[in-house]
N, C-alpha and C. Protein backbone atom coordinates (compact mmCIF):
# COMPACT_ATOMS: atom_id res chain seq x y z
N MET A 1 -7.37 -23.69 -13.88
CA MET A 1 -8.42 -22.78 -13.45
C MET A 1 -8.48 -21.56 -14.39
N LEU A 2 -7.34 -20.97 -14.68
CA LEU A 2 -7.32 -19.79 -15.56
C LEU A 2 -7.88 -20.13 -16.94
N VAL A 3 -7.45 -21.23 -17.51
CA VAL A 3 -7.91 -21.62 -18.85
C VAL A 3 -9.42 -21.85 -18.84
N ASP A 4 -9.92 -22.50 -17.82
CA ASP A 4 -11.36 -22.77 -17.71
C ASP A 4 -12.16 -21.48 -17.66
N ILE A 5 -11.72 -20.53 -16.86
CA ILE A 5 -12.44 -19.26 -16.71
C ILE A 5 -12.39 -18.44 -17.99
N VAL A 6 -11.21 -18.32 -18.58
CA VAL A 6 -11.06 -17.50 -19.78
C VAL A 6 -11.78 -18.13 -20.98
N SER A 7 -11.78 -19.46 -21.07
CA SER A 7 -12.45 -20.12 -22.19
C SER A 7 -13.96 -19.88 -22.17
N ARG A 8 -14.49 -19.54 -21.03
CA ARG A 8 -15.92 -19.25 -20.90
C ARG A 8 -16.22 -17.75 -20.94
N GLY A 9 -15.20 -16.96 -21.29
CA GLY A 9 -15.39 -15.52 -21.44
C GLY A 9 -15.26 -14.74 -20.14
N GLY A 10 -14.69 -15.36 -19.11
CA GLY A 10 -14.57 -14.70 -17.82
C GLY A 10 -13.20 -14.06 -17.62
N ASN A 11 -13.03 -13.43 -16.48
CA ASN A 11 -11.78 -12.80 -16.08
C ASN A 11 -11.38 -13.34 -14.71
N LEU A 12 -10.09 -13.45 -14.46
CA LEU A 12 -9.58 -13.92 -13.18
C LEU A 12 -8.82 -12.77 -12.52
N LEU A 13 -9.29 -12.32 -11.38
CA LEU A 13 -8.62 -11.26 -10.63
C LEU A 13 -7.54 -11.89 -9.76
N LEU A 14 -6.29 -11.51 -9.99
CA LEU A 14 -5.17 -12.09 -9.26
C LEU A 14 -4.84 -11.33 -7.97
N ASN A 15 -5.29 -10.08 -7.86
CA ASN A 15 -5.02 -9.25 -6.68
C ASN A 15 -3.52 -9.13 -6.39
N ILE A 16 -2.77 -8.85 -7.42
CA ILE A 16 -1.33 -8.64 -7.30
C ILE A 16 -1.06 -7.18 -7.65
N GLY A 17 -0.60 -6.42 -6.68
CA GLY A 17 -0.35 -5.00 -6.92
C GLY A 17 1.13 -4.67 -6.93
N PRO A 18 1.58 -3.92 -7.92
CA PRO A 18 2.98 -3.52 -7.97
C PRO A 18 3.28 -2.42 -6.96
N ARG A 19 4.56 -2.26 -6.68
CA ARG A 19 5.01 -1.15 -5.81
C ARG A 19 4.95 0.15 -6.61
N SER A 20 5.25 1.24 -5.96
CA SER A 20 5.19 2.55 -6.63
C SER A 20 6.18 2.67 -7.78
N ASP A 21 7.28 1.86 -7.74
CA ASP A 21 8.25 1.92 -8.84
C ASP A 21 7.94 0.92 -9.96
N GLY A 22 6.83 0.19 -9.81
CA GLY A 22 6.40 -0.73 -10.87
C GLY A 22 6.84 -2.17 -10.68
N THR A 23 7.68 -2.44 -9.69
CA THR A 23 8.14 -3.81 -9.46
C THR A 23 7.11 -4.60 -8.65
N ILE A 24 7.16 -5.90 -8.77
CA ILE A 24 6.25 -6.78 -8.03
C ILE A 24 7.06 -7.42 -6.90
N PRO A 25 6.57 -7.33 -5.65
CA PRO A 25 7.28 -7.92 -4.53
C PRO A 25 7.52 -9.43 -4.73
N GLU A 26 8.66 -9.94 -4.22
CA GLU A 26 9.04 -11.33 -4.40
C GLU A 26 7.97 -12.29 -3.89
N ILE A 27 7.34 -12.01 -2.76
CA ILE A 27 6.33 -12.92 -2.22
C ILE A 27 5.14 -13.06 -3.16
N MET A 28 4.81 -12.00 -3.87
CA MET A 28 3.71 -12.06 -4.83
C MET A 28 4.13 -12.77 -6.11
N LYS A 29 5.42 -12.63 -6.48
CA LYS A 29 5.93 -13.35 -7.66
C LYS A 29 5.85 -14.85 -7.44
N LYS A 30 6.17 -15.28 -6.22
CA LYS A 30 6.15 -16.72 -5.90
C LYS A 30 4.75 -17.28 -6.03
N SER A 31 3.75 -16.52 -5.64
CA SER A 31 2.38 -17.04 -5.74
C SER A 31 1.90 -17.12 -7.17
N LEU A 32 2.53 -16.36 -8.09
CA LEU A 32 2.18 -16.44 -9.51
C LEU A 32 2.83 -17.63 -10.20
N GLU A 33 3.93 -18.11 -9.65
CA GLU A 33 4.64 -19.23 -10.28
C GLU A 33 4.02 -20.47 -9.84
């Protein structure tokens, strides 16, 4: 999906927000893998 969108000049919004200290919560990391 990502390759298809980017190859056509688009952007994919992942909606993953880091915490105030810059780390990404584990549950969000799992959805990225």
